[in-house]
Amino acid sequence: MNFPLFIAKRYFFRKLFNIENVTNFFSFKGRITRYEFIISYFIIIPPFILLSLLFFTDDVIFGNIAHNLISSALFFLTTWAQLAQAIKRSHDIGHSGWLIIFPPYFLWLIFSKGEDRDNKYGANTNLSISSRINFVHIISLVSLVGVAIGTAALILVLSVFNGFEDLILKMYNSFDPHLKITLSEGKVFNPANIIINNPEIETKAYVLEEKVLLKYQEKEFIATVKGVSSSYKQLTNFDSLLVDGNYIDFYENNNVAVIGRGVAYYLSIGLGTMFQQLQVYAPNRSAKTLLTPQTAFKQGSVLPVGVFGIQAEIDEQYIITPLTFIQNLAERDDKISAIEIKLKDADKMLKVQEQLKSQLGDKFVVKNRLEQQEFLYKILNTEKLAVFLILAFIMIIATFNIIGSLSMLMLDKKQDIKTLKSFGTTKNDIMAIFFNKSMLTIIAGTFIGLTVGCLLAVLQQTYGFISMGSGSFVVNAYPVVIKLVDVFVVSITVLVIGLVASWYPAKVLSKKLF
């Protein structure tokens, strides 16, 4: 055993690494100062509130048994710790611990000074704490708070971005299939030439999309007609997307359409009658020239029977009709432009995609949901990365507090360092002592920040305290989604920044002061 290093660690960290003190933390016996009481509650309260929310939700009470036991144990553990600190603080004032059953008494615990003498509950605590509280310790506390605030800000901002990403992708995913098969070259193909056999496929639908000119009374609009087979309704659960009216399978006639909310707005369409049909003009593929308007286009008509609403970009572009209608109008007999597939298990999307690629070969392209909206995913991820880097840079600036507090602490302990040197402590031992002290501050600040950030995110997710403001929005409050990956990335980022900020001053000042 390196005896000088053992003495040094015990000299500085005896209160942190002593198992007896950990046990005393949960004991109802003894006394603690006002300073220790406030700090302990500052650490205990955030996880207590978070665990309270988890413990008293229906999912936890009636959910997984193991989850219940863990959350219940942690909830009662934090409750016990709060009671223990309050009772010991009451002892420090000279009162019985039973007084904490009166809630207003907690104000007395915070503002009242402890007795400056021994009492029946324990020795005088003011003698041991007064010499330790100075400007350096205040700066250290500010550093801890700074790390906690920065960590909480990272968690909250990333969670809000996750919420918006989840909201936007849900809108698109209600229209986009799990997998979509199209030609690698060309536009249309005969589905009879493709054999798709995969046990993971729940249903598939044939789709033909064509650009058309829509005319309703005196208004015109260019849109995309999406002709779909009868199974398309099960593939997308289209009834949940309808704003008004019925789906096309409600009628035997093929000349019906469900139109996007944006298309209906531009054409001023209400759910009309047979005498107010929507005129559809598609290019005449058999015409020898497009210079003659009378023969350049083929005309059809559909009755608007429903209006759907998904997302503005989709609502302003599409109308849905039976597949046979657009095949006849566009002269695409038995031809389709895509096969859309719904899987039994969405988690196997990438696996089934690879299987279909190998089965169909290079002639066809198989895209998953991410690839169908590839540009949107790139935008969302780029914005999230940019904000994360900005906040990480702010965290780097905040670490100057850590460098300053550690430097001041080492200068303040100059005489103590000389004492340890006389015991035979090496320069590396001194560096390790202050480095470990600084890292404890970083770890504590990270833990508090993660707890507070997740707590605020859960509160926003549950109660929606911060609203989107006045206006027409899809949601009333800021959406929030907490991802474990973000918690892990934030923790590693803060710890790495703190590692560098702790190592540099500890190394430089150890050389100068030793």
Protein backbone atom coordinates (compact mmCIF):
# COMPACT_ATOMS: atom_id res chain seq x y z
CA MET A 1 0.00 0.00 0.00
CA ASN A 2 1.23 3.52 -0.81
CA PHE A 3 0.98 4.91 2.72
CA PRO A 4 1.38 8.67 1.88
CA LEU A 5 -1.33 8.43 -0.77
CA PHE A 6 -3.56 6.62 1.71
CA ILE A 7 -3.05 9.42 4.24
CA ALA A 8 -3.72 12.05 1.58
CA LYS A 9 -6.96 10.51 0.39
CA ARG A 10 -8.14 10.02 3.96
CA TYR A 11 -7.14 13.61 4.74
CA PHE A 12 -9.32 15.08 1.99
CA PHE A 13 -12.03 12.47 1.31
CA ARG A 14 -12.64 10.88 4.63
CA LYS A 15 -16.26 12.11 4.64
CA LEU A 16 -16.94 10.97 1.09
CA PHE A 17 -15.51 7.44 1.18
CA ASN A 18 -16.40 6.44 4.74
CA ILE A 19 -19.07 3.70 4.77
CA GLU A 20 -20.08 4.79 8.26
CA ASN A 21 -20.99 8.23 6.97
CA VAL A 22 -23.08 6.68 4.19
CA THR A 23 -24.98 4.73 6.85
CA ASN A 24 -25.33 7.86 8.99
CA PHE A 25 -26.89 9.64 6.04
CA PHE A 26 -30.01 7.46 6.44
CA SER A 27 -29.89 7.44 10.26
CA PHE A 28 -32.31 9.40 12.45
CA LYS A 29 -29.62 9.91 15.12
CA GLY A 30 -27.17 12.80 15.42
CA ARG A 31 -27.06 16.39 14.11
CA ILE A 32 -26.39 18.16 10.83
CA THR A 33 -25.91 21.86 10.11
CA ARG A 34 -28.20 24.12 8.15
CA TYR A 35 -25.69 24.10 5.28
CA GLU A 36 -25.59 20.30 5.14
CA PHE A 37 -29.39 20.13 5.38
CA ILE A 38 -29.92 22.46 2.42
CA ILE A 39 -27.29 20.71 0.26
CA SER A 40 -28.71 17.26 1.03
CA TYR A 41 -32.23 18.36 0.09
CA PHE A 42 -30.90 20.02 -3.06
CA ILE A 43 -29.59 16.58 -4.08
CA ILE A 44 -32.52 14.47 -2.86
CA ILE A 45 -35.57 16.49 -3.96
CA PRO A 46 -35.19 16.20 -7.81
CA PRO A 47 -35.05 12.37 -7.88
CA PHE A 48 -37.80 12.25 -5.23
CA ILE A 49 -40.19 14.27 -7.42
CA LEU A 50 -39.31 12.23 -10.52
CA LEU A 51 -39.84 8.95 -8.67
CA SER A 52 -43.11 10.28 -7.22
CA LEU A 53 -44.42 10.92 -10.73
CA LEU A 54 -43.39 7.45 -11.85
CA PHE A 55 -44.74 5.77 -8.74
CA PHE A 56 -48.19 7.37 -8.87
CA THR A 57 -48.88 6.87 -12.58
CA ASP A 58 -51.24 4.15 -13.74
CA ASP A 59 -48.58 2.50 -15.92
CA VAL A 60 -46.36 1.92 -12.92
CA ILE A 61 -49.06 0.91 -10.45
CA PHE A 62 -50.67 -1.59 -12.82
CA GLY A 63 -47.69 -2.32 -15.08
CA ASN A 64 -44.64 -4.56 -14.89
CA ILE A 65 -44.07 -6.05 -11.41
CA ALA A 66 -40.28 -5.65 -11.50
CA HIS A 67 -40.68 -2.03 -12.55
CA ASN A 68 -43.10 -1.51 -9.66
CA LEU A 69 -40.72 -2.97 -7.11
CA ILE A 70 -37.71 -0.94 -8.28
CA SER A 71 -39.58 2.37 -8.48
CA SER A 72 -41.28 1.72 -5.12
CA ALA A 73 -37.97 0.89 -3.41
CA LEU A 74 -36.26 4.02 -4.77
CA PHE A 75 -39.27 6.17 -3.88
CA PHE A 76 -39.30 5.01 -0.24
CA LEU A 77 -35.50 5.26 -0.06
CA THR A 78 -35.54 8.95 -1.05
CA THR A 79 -38.48 9.56 1.31
CA TRP A 80 -36.53 7.94 4.17
CA ALA A 81 -33.45 10.07 3.36
CA GLN A 82 -35.52 13.28 3.47
CA LEU A 83 -36.99 12.37 6.84
CA ALA A 84 -33.55 11.49 8.22
CA GLN A 85 -32.05 14.85 7.22
CA ALA A 86 -35.00 16.80 8.60
CA ILE A 87 -34.88 14.97 11.96
CA LYS A 88 -31.12 15.49 12.35
CA ARG A 89 -31.51 19.18 11.46
CA SER A 90 -34.23 19.45 14.13
CA HIS A 91 -31.80 17.88 16.61
CA ASP A 92 -29.19 20.50 15.70
CA ILE A 93 -31.65 23.23 16.79
CA GLY A 94 -32.30 21.31 20.03
CA HIS A 95 -35.81 20.13 19.17
CA SER A 96 -37.41 16.72 18.89
CA GLY A 97 -37.55 15.10 15.44
CA TRP A 98 -41.33 14.63 15.82
CA LEU A 99 -41.85 18.31 15.02
CA ILE A 100 -41.26 17.64 11.30
CA ILE A 101 -44.81 16.27 11.06
CA PHE A 102 -45.87 19.95 10.94
CA PRO A 103 -45.06 21.27 7.40
CA PRO A 104 -44.45 24.93 8.47
CA TYR A 105 -41.66 23.68 10.74
CA PHE A 106 -39.48 23.12 7.66
CA LEU A 107 -39.12 26.90 7.30
CA TRP A 108 -37.70 26.95 10.82
CA LEU A 109 -35.23 24.22 9.84
CA ILE A 110 -34.00 26.32 6.91
CA PHE A 111 -33.64 29.70 8.62
CA SER A 112 -32.89 28.81 12.23
CA LYS A 113 -29.29 28.59 13.46
CA GLY A 114 -28.12 25.46 15.27
CA GLU A 115 -27.11 25.44 18.93
CA ASP A 116 -23.49 26.54 19.55
CA ARG A 117 -22.94 23.80 22.11
CA ASP A 118 -23.31 20.09 22.65
CA ASN A 119 -26.84 18.90 23.32
CA LYS A 120 -28.49 15.59 24.10
CA TYR A 121 -28.65 14.73 20.40
CA GLY A 122 -24.93 15.09 19.64
CA ALA A 123 -21.80 17.23 19.60
CA ASN A 124 -21.64 20.85 18.43
CA THR A 125 -21.62 20.87 14.61
CA ASN A 126 -20.83 24.56 14.13
CA LEU A 127 -17.20 24.06 15.17
CA SER A 128 -16.53 21.54 12.43
CA ILE A 129 -18.32 23.36 9.63
CA SER A 130 -17.54 27.05 10.13
CA SER A 131 -13.93 26.76 9.08
CA ARG A 132 -14.81 24.91 5.92
CA ILE A 133 -17.29 27.40 4.49
CA ASN A 134 -15.43 30.14 2.67
CA PHE A 135 -15.34 31.86 -0.67
CA VAL A 136 -13.60 28.94 -2.39
CA HIS A 137 -16.38 26.55 -1.40
CA ILE A 138 -19.00 28.98 -2.66
CA ILE A 139 -17.23 29.10 -6.03
CA SER A 140 -17.14 25.29 -6.07
CA LEU A 141 -20.88 25.22 -5.42
CA VAL A 142 -21.42 27.71 -8.26
CA SER A 143 -19.40 25.42 -10.54
CA LEU A 144 -21.58 22.46 -9.59
CA VAL A 145 -24.75 24.46 -10.26
CA GLY A 146 -23.33 25.62 -13.61
CA VAL A 147 -22.65 22.05 -14.70
CA ALA A 148 -26.13 21.00 -13.53
CA ILE A 149 -27.85 23.83 -15.44
CA GLY A 150 -25.86 23.13 -18.62
CA THR A 151 -26.63 19.41 -18.45
CA ALA A 152 -30.32 20.04 -17.82
CA ALA A 153 -30.44 22.49 -20.74
CA LEU A 154 -28.90 19.90 -23.08
CA ILE A 155 -31.44 17.27 -22.02
CA LEU A 156 -34.40 19.64 -22.38
CA VAL A 157 -33.42 21.03 -25.79
CA LEU A 158 -32.68 17.59 -27.24
CA SER A 159 -35.96 16.25 -25.80
CA VAL A 160 -37.92 19.08 -27.43
CA PHE A 161 -36.22 18.36 -30.76
CA ASN A 162 -37.10 14.69 -30.31
CA GLY A 163 -40.70 15.71 -29.64
CA PHE A 164 -40.97 17.77 -32.83
CA GLU A 165 -39.20 15.06 -34.83
CA ASP A 166 -41.57 12.42 -33.51
CA LEU A 167 -44.59 14.64 -34.23
CA ILE A 168 -43.53 15.40 -37.82
CA LEU A 169 -42.56 11.83 -38.63
CA LYS A 170 -45.85 10.50 -37.26
CA MET A 171 -47.65 12.79 -39.71
CA TYR A 172 -45.64 11.50 -42.65
CA ASN A 173 -45.65 7.88 -41.47
CA SER A 174 -49.44 7.84 -41.45
CA PHE A 175 -49.20 8.28 -45.24
CA ASP A 176 -45.91 6.49 -45.98
CA PRO A 177 -45.85 2.66 -45.95
CA HIS A 178 -43.23 0.59 -44.16
CA LEU A 179 -41.76 -0.41 -47.53
CA LYS A 180 -42.31 0.90 -51.05
CA ILE A 181 -41.28 -0.92 -54.25
CA THR A 182 -40.71 1.09 -57.44
CA LEU A 183 -38.84 0.61 -60.71
CA SER A 184 -35.16 1.59 -60.78
CA GLU A 185 -35.65 2.76 -64.39
CA GLY A 186 -38.98 3.85 -65.80
CA LYS A 187 -42.23 4.60 -64.03
CA VAL A 188 -44.86 1.85 -64.42
CA PHE A 189 -44.80 -1.93 -64.44
CA ASN A 190 -47.16 -4.88 -64.41
CA PRO A 191 -47.53 -6.33 -60.89
CA ALA A 192 -48.29 -9.73 -62.35
CA ASN A 193 -44.61 -10.02 -63.23
CA ILE A 194 -43.57 -9.75 -59.54
CA ILE A 195 -43.95 -12.49 -56.98
CA ILE A 196 -43.54 -11.30 -53.40
CA ASN A 197 -43.60 -13.99 -50.74
CA ASN A 198 -42.57 -12.99 -47.25
CA PRO A 199 -44.23 -14.14 -44.02
CA GLU A 200 -43.57 -10.74 -42.36
CA ILE A 201 -45.87 -8.90 -44.80
CA GLU A 202 -49.32 -8.16 -43.38
CA THR A 203 -50.84 -6.49 -46.44
CA LYS A 204 -49.83 -4.77 -49.67
CA ALA A 205 -51.50 -2.29 -51.99
CA TYR A 206 -51.02 -1.40 -55.66
CA VAL A 207 -50.59 2.31 -56.39
CA LEU A 208 -50.48 4.44 -59.53
CA GLU A 209 -49.62 8.14 -59.27
CA GLU A 210 -50.16 10.65 -62.08
CA LYS A 211 -49.89 14.43 -62.32
CA VAL A 212 -53.22 15.94 -63.42
CA LEU A 213 -55.03 19.25 -63.81
CA LEU A 214 -58.06 19.63 -61.54
CA LYS A 215 -60.93 21.94 -62.36
CA TYR A 216 -63.84 22.69 -60.05
CA GLN A 217 -66.33 25.26 -61.26
CA GLU A 218 -64.08 28.18 -62.30
CA LYS A 219 -60.95 27.24 -60.32
CA GLU A 220 -58.01 25.12 -61.50
CA PHE A 221 -55.21 23.39 -59.63
CA ILE A 222 -52.38 20.98 -60.50
CA ALA A 223 -52.22 17.96 -58.18
CA THR A 224 -51.26 14.28 -58.03
CA VAL A 225 -53.91 11.60 -58.34
CA LYS A 226 -53.02 8.54 -56.30
CA GLY A 227 -55.02 5.57 -57.51
CA VAL A 228 -55.06 2.80 -54.91
CA SER A 229 -56.28 -0.79 -54.72
CA SER A 230 -58.92 -1.91 -52.24
CA SER A 231 -56.36 -3.01 -49.61
CA TYR A 232 -54.93 0.52 -49.25
CA LYS A 233 -57.39 1.38 -46.49
CA GLN A 234 -56.01 -1.37 -44.22
CA LEU A 235 -52.44 -0.44 -45.09
CA THR A 236 -52.77 3.17 -43.86
CA ASN A 237 -55.79 3.00 -41.52
CA PHE A 238 -57.20 5.79 -43.67
CA ASP A 239 -60.37 6.27 -41.64
CA SER A 240 -58.28 7.95 -38.92
CA LEU A 241 -57.03 10.50 -41.50
CA LEU A 242 -60.48 11.60 -42.68
CA VAL A 243 -61.50 15.09 -41.65
CA ASP A 244 -64.94 14.89 -43.25
CA GLY A 245 -66.97 12.50 -45.37
CA ASN A 246 -66.26 8.86 -46.20
CA TYR A 247 -63.56 6.76 -47.79
CA ILE A 248 -63.84 5.74 -51.46
CA ASP A 249 -64.76 2.12 -50.68
CA PHE A 250 -68.02 3.35 -49.17
CA TYR A 251 -69.35 3.74 -52.74
CA GLU A 252 -69.70 1.19 -55.56
CA ASN A 253 -68.91 3.80 -58.22
CA ASN A 254 -65.22 4.11 -59.15
CA ASN A 255 -65.57 7.80 -60.05
CA VAL A 256 -65.19 9.05 -56.48
CA ALA A 257 -62.27 10.68 -54.68
CA VAL A 258 -61.01 11.65 -51.27
CA ILE A 259 -59.17 14.95 -51.58
CA GLY A 260 -56.48 16.56 -49.45
CA ARG A 261 -57.49 19.43 -47.21
CA GLY A 262 -55.12 21.78 -49.05
CA VAL A 263 -56.55 20.85 -52.47
CA ALA A 264 -60.06 21.40 -51.15
CA TYR A 265 -59.03 24.83 -49.87
CA TYR A 266 -57.50 25.98 -53.17
CA LEU A 267 -60.48 24.78 -55.20
CA SER A 268 -63.11 25.86 -52.61
CA ILE A 269 -64.58 22.36 -52.59
CA GLY A 270 -67.24 21.20 -50.19
CA LEU A 271 -68.65 17.70 -50.15
CA GLY A 272 -70.82 18.25 -53.21
CA THR A 273 -73.47 16.43 -55.14
CA MET A 274 -73.43 14.53 -58.43
CA PHE A 275 -74.00 17.81 -60.23
CA GLN A 276 -70.84 19.41 -58.81
CA GLN A 277 -68.19 16.94 -59.82
CA LEU A 278 -64.46 17.56 -59.96
CA GLN A 279 -63.02 17.55 -63.47
CA VAL A 280 -59.72 15.70 -63.91
CA TYR A 281 -57.48 16.28 -66.96
CA ALA A 282 -54.56 13.92 -67.72
CA PRO A 283 -52.19 13.99 -70.73
CA ASN A 284 -53.50 11.93 -73.66
CA ARG A 285 -50.84 9.29 -74.26
CA SER A 286 -52.28 8.31 -77.65
CA ALA A 287 -52.31 11.88 -79.02
CA LYS A 288 -49.75 12.50 -81.75
CA THR A 289 -49.25 16.13 -80.71
CA LEU A 290 -49.93 18.17 -77.60
CA LEU A 291 -50.40 21.40 -79.54
CA THR A 292 -54.12 20.77 -80.04
CA PRO A 293 -55.90 21.37 -76.71
CA GLN A 294 -58.95 19.33 -77.77
CA THR A 295 -56.89 16.12 -78.12
CA ALA A 296 -53.95 16.80 -75.79
CA PHE A 297 -55.82 15.80 -72.65
CA LYS A 298 -58.22 13.11 -71.56
CA GLN A 299 -61.00 14.21 -69.27
CA GLY A 300 -62.62 12.37 -66.41
CA SER A 301 -64.75 13.40 -63.47
CA VAL A 302 -64.95 12.33 -59.85
CA LEU A 303 -67.26 13.15 -56.99
CA PRO A 304 -65.50 14.44 -53.84
CA VAL A 305 -66.84 12.18 -51.06
CA GLY A 306 -64.29 12.92 -48.34
CA VAL A 307 -61.51 15.22 -47.15
CA PHE A 308 -58.35 13.96 -45.45
CA GLY A 309 -55.80 15.86 -43.40
CA ILE A 310 -52.26 14.64 -42.71
CA GLN A 311 -49.64 17.34 -43.24
CA ALA A 312 -49.77 20.54 -45.30
CA GLU A 313 -47.28 19.33 -47.91
CA ILE A 314 -49.30 16.15 -48.52
CA ASP A 315 -52.73 17.78 -48.21
CA GLU A 316 -51.85 20.31 -50.93
CA GLN A 317 -50.66 17.66 -53.37
CA TYR A 318 -52.80 14.51 -53.36
CA ILE A 319 -56.27 13.24 -54.11
CA ILE A 320 -57.08 9.54 -53.62
CA THR A 321 -59.15 7.61 -56.17
CA PRO A 322 -59.76 3.93 -57.00
CA LEU A 323 -56.90 2.40 -59.00
CA THR A 324 -59.06 1.57 -62.02
CA PHE A 325 -60.14 5.20 -62.45
CA ILE A 326 -56.65 6.61 -62.96
CA GLN A 327 -55.54 3.53 -64.97
CA ASN A 328 -58.33 4.16 -67.45
CA LEU A 329 -57.82 7.93 -67.55
CA ALA A 330 -54.03 7.72 -67.99
CA GLU A 331 -54.25 4.71 -70.34
CA ARG A 332 -52.17 2.57 -67.98
CA ASP A 333 -54.14 -0.66 -68.21
CA ASP A 334 -53.03 -3.16 -65.53
CA LYS A 335 -49.99 -0.98 -64.80
CA ILE A 336 -48.93 0.49 -61.47
CA SER A 337 -46.13 2.81 -60.31
CA ALA A 338 -45.49 1.29 -56.88
CA ILE A 339 -46.30 -1.49 -54.43
CA GLU A 340 -46.77 -0.30 -50.86
CA ILE A 341 -46.25 -2.83 -48.07
CA LYS A 342 -47.34 -2.94 -44.43
CA LEU A 343 -45.41 -5.30 -42.14
CA LYS A 344 -46.65 -7.27 -39.16
CA ASP A 345 -43.74 -5.95 -37.08
CA ALA A 346 -42.33 -2.51 -37.94
CA ASP A 347 -39.10 -3.32 -36.05
CA LYS A 348 -38.22 -5.85 -38.77
CA MET A 349 -38.48 -3.22 -41.53
CA LEU A 350 -34.77 -3.15 -42.39
CA LYS A 351 -34.48 -6.94 -42.33
CA VAL A 352 -37.45 -7.45 -44.69
CA GLN A 353 -36.13 -4.66 -46.93
CA GLU A 354 -32.85 -6.52 -47.44
CA GLN A 355 -34.72 -9.76 -48.16
CA LEU A 356 -36.90 -8.09 -50.81
CA LYS A 357 -33.87 -6.39 -52.40
CA SER A 358 -32.11 -9.72 -52.84
CA GLN A 359 -35.34 -11.31 -54.11
CA LEU A 360 -36.26 -8.60 -56.67
CA GLY A 361 -32.76 -7.75 -57.89
CA ASP A 362 -31.48 -4.50 -59.39
CA LYS A 363 -34.55 -3.90 -61.53
CA PHE A 364 -36.55 -2.63 -58.54
CA VAL A 365 -35.86 -0.20 -55.70
CA VAL A 366 -37.11 -1.04 -52.20
CA LYS A 367 -37.30 1.97 -49.87
CA ASN A 368 -38.12 2.01 -46.17
CA ARG A 369 -39.85 4.88 -44.37
CA LEU A 370 -36.59 6.65 -43.62
CA GLU A 371 -35.53 6.59 -47.27
CA GLN A 372 -38.92 7.75 -48.52
CA GLN A 373 -38.44 11.00 -46.54
CA GLU A 374 -34.64 11.03 -46.64
CA PHE A 375 -34.31 14.81 -47.03
CA LEU A 376 -36.63 15.45 -44.08
CA TYR A 377 -34.64 13.11 -41.83
CA LYS A 378 -31.39 14.82 -42.82
CA ILE A 379 -32.81 18.26 -41.99
CA LEU A 380 -34.08 17.15 -38.57
CA ASN A 381 -30.83 15.41 -37.64
CA THR A 382 -28.71 18.34 -38.87
CA GLU A 383 -30.70 20.86 -36.83
CA LYS A 384 -30.46 18.66 -33.74
CA LEU A 385 -26.71 18.24 -34.19
CA ALA A 386 -26.18 21.98 -34.67
CA VAL A 387 -28.07 22.87 -31.49
CA PHE A 388 -26.23 20.15 -29.54
CA LEU A 389 -22.84 21.51 -30.66
CA ILE A 390 -23.85 25.07 -29.71
CA LEU A 391 -24.92 23.99 -26.22
CA ALA A 392 -21.80 21.83 -25.86
CA PHE A 393 -19.71 24.91 -26.68
CA ILE A 394 -21.59 26.81 -23.96
CA MET A 395 -20.76 23.95 -21.59
CA ILE A 396 -17.07 24.35 -22.49
CA ILE A 397 -17.28 28.03 -21.57
CA ALA A 398 -19.02 27.07 -18.31
CA THR A 399 -16.08 24.80 -17.42
CA PHE A 400 -13.94 27.89 -16.84
CA ASN A 401 -15.77 28.01 -13.49
CA ILE A 402 -14.41 24.55 -12.75
CA ILE A 403 -10.88 25.55 -13.73
CA GLY A 404 -11.11 28.70 -11.60
CA SER A 405 -12.60 26.97 -8.54
CA LEU A 406 -10.06 24.14 -8.65
CA SER A 407 -7.17 26.60 -9.02
CA MET A 408 -8.43 28.66 -6.06
CA LEU A 409 -8.91 25.52 -3.98
CA MET A 410 -5.35 24.35 -4.63
CA LEU A 411 -3.97 27.77 -3.73
CA ASP A 412 -6.12 27.78 -0.59
CA LYS A 413 -4.73 24.36 0.39
CA LYS A 414 -1.10 25.34 -0.21
CA GLN A 415 -0.11 24.73 3.41
CA ASP A 416 -1.95 21.42 3.47
CA ILE A 417 -0.04 20.34 0.37
CA LYS A 418 3.24 21.11 2.15
CA THR A 419 2.06 19.02 5.10
CA LEU A 420 1.29 16.07 2.85
CA LYS A 421 4.65 16.51 1.13
CA SER A 422 6.37 16.08 4.50
CA PHE A 423 4.52 12.76 4.88
CA GLY A 424 6.13 11.58 1.63
CA THR A 425 3.22 12.23 -0.73
CA THR A 426 4.33 12.54 -4.37
CA LYS A 427 3.39 15.18 -6.89
CA ASN A 428 1.19 12.70 -8.79
CA ASP A 429 -0.64 11.90 -5.55
CA ILE A 430 -1.43 15.58 -5.00
CA MET A 431 -2.62 15.91 -8.59
CA ALA A 432 -4.85 12.83 -8.18
CA ILE A 433 -6.42 14.25 -5.01
CA PHE A 434 -7.54 17.52 -6.58
CA PHE A 435 -8.41 15.90 -9.88
CA ASN A 436 -10.69 13.45 -8.08
CA LYS A 437 -12.26 16.29 -6.11
CA SER A 438 -13.03 18.21 -9.29
CA MET A 439 -14.42 15.12 -11.00
CA LEU A 440 -16.70 14.51 -8.03
CA THR A 441 -18.11 18.00 -8.62
CA ILE A 442 -18.58 17.22 -12.32
CA ILE A 443 -20.25 13.88 -11.62
CA ALA A 444 -22.56 15.40 -8.98
CA GLY A 445 -23.47 18.29 -11.30
CA THR A 446 -24.11 15.88 -14.18
CA PHE A 447 -26.33 13.68 -12.03
CA ILE A 448 -28.33 16.65 -10.70
CA GLY A 449 -28.61 18.14 -14.20
CA LEU A 450 -29.81 14.86 -15.72
CA THR A 451 -32.35 14.45 -12.92
CA VAL A 452 -33.67 18.01 -13.20
CA GLY A 453 -33.70 17.92 -17.01
CA CYS A 454 -35.55 14.60 -17.15
CA LEU A 455 -37.93 15.78 -14.41
CA LEU A 456 -38.85 18.96 -16.28
CA ALA A 457 -39.21 16.99 -19.52
CA VAL A 458 -41.55 14.48 -17.85
CA LEU A 459 -43.62 17.33 -16.36
CA GLN A 460 -43.88 19.01 -19.77
CA GLN A 461 -44.76 15.71 -21.41
CA THR A 462 -47.43 14.95 -18.80
CA TYR A 463 -48.98 18.35 -18.12
CA GLY A 464 -47.83 20.59 -21.01
CA PHE A 465 -46.98 23.60 -18.85
CA ILE A 466 -45.26 25.52 -21.69
CA SER A 467 -47.75 26.08 -24.50
CA MET A 468 -47.07 26.88 -28.16
CA GLY A 469 -48.82 30.22 -27.72
CA SER A 470 -51.76 31.63 -29.61
CA GLY A 471 -52.18 30.44 -33.17
CA SER A 472 -53.19 27.41 -35.19
CA PHE A 473 -50.80 24.62 -34.22
CA VAL A 474 -51.00 20.85 -34.48
CA VAL A 475 -50.32 20.56 -30.72
CA ASN A 476 -51.11 22.94 -27.87
CA ALA A 477 -47.88 22.49 -25.89
CA TYR A 478 -44.25 21.87 -26.82
CA PRO A 479 -43.87 18.13 -27.52
CA VAL A 480 -41.17 16.34 -25.54
CA VAL A 481 -39.66 12.87 -25.96
CA ILE A 482 -36.80 11.62 -23.75
CA LYS A 483 -34.41 9.18 -25.41
CA LEU A 484 -31.88 7.12 -23.47
CA VAL A 485 -29.36 7.68 -26.27
CA ASP A 486 -29.50 11.43 -25.66
CA VAL A 487 -29.08 10.96 -21.91
CA PHE A 488 -26.02 8.77 -22.56
CA VAL A 489 -24.50 11.19 -25.12
CA VAL A 490 -25.05 14.22 -22.84
CA SER A 491 -23.52 12.39 -19.88
CA ILE A 492 -20.42 11.37 -21.85
CA THR A 493 -20.05 14.87 -23.35
CA VAL A 494 -20.24 16.64 -19.98
CA LEU A 495 -17.91 14.14 -18.32
CA VAL A 496 -15.31 14.43 -21.10
CA ILE A 497 -15.41 18.24 -20.95
CA GLY A 498 -15.13 18.08 -17.14
CA LEU A 499 -12.29 15.57 -17.39
CA VAL A 500 -10.19 17.95 -19.49
CA ALA A 501 -11.14 20.97 -17.33
CA SER A 502 -10.12 19.09 -14.17
CA TRP A 503 -6.92 17.51 -15.47
CA TYR A 504 -5.24 20.67 -16.81
CA PRO A 505 -5.27 22.90 -13.67
CA ALA A 506 -4.54 19.92 -11.40
CA LYS A 507 -1.47 19.03 -13.47
CA VAL A 508 -0.12 22.60 -13.88
CA LEU A 509 -0.64 23.76 -10.28
CA SER A 510 0.67 20.50 -8.81
CA LYS A 511 4.00 21.24 -10.48
CA LYS A 512 4.09 24.82 -9.18
CA LEU A 513 2.89 24.20 -5.63
CA PHE A 514 4.66 20.92 -4.87
